[in-house]
Amino acid sequence: MFNIFKRNKKSDDTQKLGMLQRIAMKKLKKMGPEERNKIMQDALKPENRDKILAVIDQMKKTGQISNDQIEMAKKKLGF
């Protein structure tokens, strides 16, 4: 039987994001590489790194991410 409320299993991860996050992702995709790099450098300032690591630790405690995912995130962020 066809269920109109059933979600598509092949859906993007963007459907899991909130409205503001979707807008931010669209804006980020439209940016040029140099502007994107500038924003990433601003986000990874030393005072923000502590906040990012605290969020990662909190997500680990609540079981939202695994140790493998933590290591991959830290490697991508350069921690």
C-alpha atoms as a PDB file:
ATOM      1  CA  MET A   1       0.000   0.000   0.000  1.00  0.00           C
ATOM      2  CA  PHE A   2       1.265   3.470  -0.843  1.00  0.00           C
ATOM      3  CA  ASN A   3       1.957   5.707   2.137  1.00  0.00           C
ATOM      4  CA  ILE A   4       2.352   9.402   1.335  1.00  0.00           C
ATOM      5  CA  PHE A   5       3.961  10.102   4.710  1.00  0.00           C
ATOM      6  CA  LYS A   6       6.711   7.521   4.313  1.00  0.00           C
ATOM      7  CA  ARG A   7      10.113   9.118   3.755  1.00  0.00           C
ATOM      8  CA  ASN A   8      12.242   8.270   0.787  1.00  0.00           C
ATOM      9  CA  LYS A   9      15.130   6.014   1.848  1.00  0.00           C
ATOM     10  CA  LYS A  10      17.382   7.600  -0.792  1.00  0.00           C
ATOM     11  CA  SER A  11      16.840  11.087   0.629  1.00  0.00           C
ATOM     12  CA  ASP A  12      19.639  13.568   1.186  1.00  0.00           C
ATOM     13  CA  ASP A  13      21.010  14.409   4.588  1.00  0.00           C
ATOM     14  CA  THR A  14      19.686  17.904   3.971  1.00  0.00           C
ATOM     15  CA  GLN A  15      16.193  16.722   4.883  1.00  0.00           C
ATOM     16  CA  LYS A  16      17.456  16.043   8.405  1.00  0.00           C
ATOM     17  CA  LEU A  17      18.638  19.643   8.782  1.00  0.00           C
ATOM     18  CA  GLY A  18      16.609  22.492  10.204  1.00  0.00           C
ATOM     19  CA  MET A  19      15.413  25.425   8.131  1.00  0.00           C
ATOM     20  CA  LEU A  20      18.311  27.745   9.014  1.00  0.00           C
ATOM     21  CA  GLN A  21      20.845  24.974   8.459  1.00  0.00           C
ATOM     22  CA  ARG A  22      19.425  24.309   4.989  1.00  0.00           C
ATOM     23  CA  ILE A  23      19.690  27.989   4.124  1.00  0.00           C
ATOM     24  CA  ALA A  24      23.287  28.052   5.364  1.00  0.00           C
ATOM     25  CA  MET A  25      24.166  24.956   3.320  1.00  0.00           C
ATOM     26  CA  LYS A  26      22.715  26.507   0.138  1.00  0.00           C
ATOM     27  CA  LYS A  27      24.637  29.716   0.757  1.00  0.00           C
ATOM     28  CA  LEU A  28      27.851  27.767   1.399  1.00  0.00           C
ATOM     29  CA  LYS A  29      27.453  25.806  -1.851  1.00  0.00           C
ATOM     30  CA  LYS A  30      27.050  29.040  -3.844  1.00  0.00           C
ATOM     31  CA  MET A  31      30.241  30.584  -2.380  1.00  0.00           C
ATOM     32  CA  GLY A  32      33.524  30.648  -4.189  1.00  0.00           C
ATOM     33  CA  PRO A  33      36.432  28.558  -2.872  1.00  0.00           C
ATOM     34  CA  GLU A  34      38.391  31.525  -1.508  1.00  0.00           C
ATOM     35  CA  GLU A  35      35.404  32.880   0.408  1.00  0.00           C
ATOM     36  CA  ARG A  36      34.630  29.401   1.754  1.00  0.00           C
ATOM     37  CA  ASN A  37      38.232  29.004   2.960  1.00  0.00           C
ATOM     38  CA  LYS A  38      38.082  32.391   4.680  1.00  0.00           C
ATOM     39  CA  ILE A  39      34.938  31.384   6.578  1.00  0.00           C
ATOM     40  CA  MET A  40      36.471  28.061   7.607  1.00  0.00           C
ATOM     41  CA  GLN A  41      39.572  29.824   8.941  1.00  0.00           C
ATOM     42  CA  ASP A  42      37.361  32.155  10.980  1.00  0.00           C
ATOM     43  CA  ALA A  43      35.400  29.187  12.344  1.00  0.00           C
ATOM     44  CA  LEU A  44      38.549  27.299  13.363  1.00  0.00           C
ATOM     45  CA  LYS A  45      40.097  30.080  15.438  1.00  0.00           C
ATOM     46  CA  PRO A  46      41.609  28.911  18.764  1.00  0.00           C
ATOM     47  CA  GLU A  47      38.716  30.280  20.839  1.00  0.00           C
ATOM     48  CA  ASN A  48      36.227  28.368  18.677  1.00  0.00           C
ATOM     49  CA  ARG A  49      38.224  25.118  18.754  1.00  0.00           C
ATOM     50  CA  ASP A  50      37.486  24.697  22.451  1.00  0.00           C
ATOM     51  CA  LYS A  51      33.776  25.116  21.776  1.00  0.00           C
ATOM     52  CA  ILE A  52      33.888  22.577  18.930  1.00  0.00           C
ATOM     53  CA  LEU A  53      35.726  20.042  21.083  1.00  0.00           C
ATOM     54  CA  ALA A  54      33.228  20.558  23.916  1.00  0.00           C
ATOM     55  CA  VAL A  55      30.328  19.883  21.541  1.00  0.00           C
ATOM     56  CA  ILE A  56      32.066  16.760  20.239  1.00  0.00           C
ATOM     57  CA  ASP A  57      32.588  15.490  23.807  1.00  0.00           C
ATOM     58  CA  GLN A  58      28.952  16.187  24.661  1.00  0.00           C
ATOM     59  CA  MET A  59      27.791  14.288  21.567  1.00  0.00           C
ATOM     60  CA  LYS A  60      29.990  11.352  22.593  1.00  0.00           C
ATOM     61  CA  LYS A  61      28.482  11.299  26.088  1.00  0.00           C
ATOM     62  CA  THR A  62      24.948  11.252  24.718  1.00  0.00           C
ATOM     63  CA  GLY A  63      25.812   8.533  22.210  1.00  0.00           C
ATOM     64  CA  GLN A  64      25.089  10.582  19.099  1.00  0.00           C
ATOM     65  CA  ILE A  65      28.481   9.794  17.526  1.00  0.00           C
ATOM     66  CA  SER A  66      30.976   6.957  17.827  1.00  0.00           C
ATOM     67  CA  ASN A  67      34.704   7.080  18.507  1.00  0.00           C
ATOM     68  CA  ASP A  68      35.437   6.440  14.828  1.00  0.00           C
ATOM     69  CA  GLN A  69      33.312   9.424  13.837  1.00  0.00           C
ATOM     70  CA  ILE A  70      35.083  11.582  16.429  1.00  0.00           C
ATOM     71  CA  GLU A  71      38.507  10.639  15.087  1.00  0.00           C
ATOM     72  CA  MET A  72      37.405  11.328  11.506  1.00  0.00           C
ATOM     73  CA  ALA A  73      35.964  14.741  12.474  1.00  0.00           C
ATOM     74  CA  LYS A  74      39.108  15.721  14.364  1.00  0.00           C
ATOM     75  CA  LYS A  75      41.269  14.652  11.441  1.00  0.00           C
ATOM     76  CA  LYS A  76      39.192  16.687   8.967  1.00  0.00           C
ATOM     77  CA  LEU A  77      39.232  19.726  11.257  1.00  0.00           C
ATOM     78  CA  GLY A  78      42.976  19.441  11.873  1.00  0.00           C
ATOM     79  CA  PHE A  79      42.814  18.801  15.616  1.00  0.00           C
END
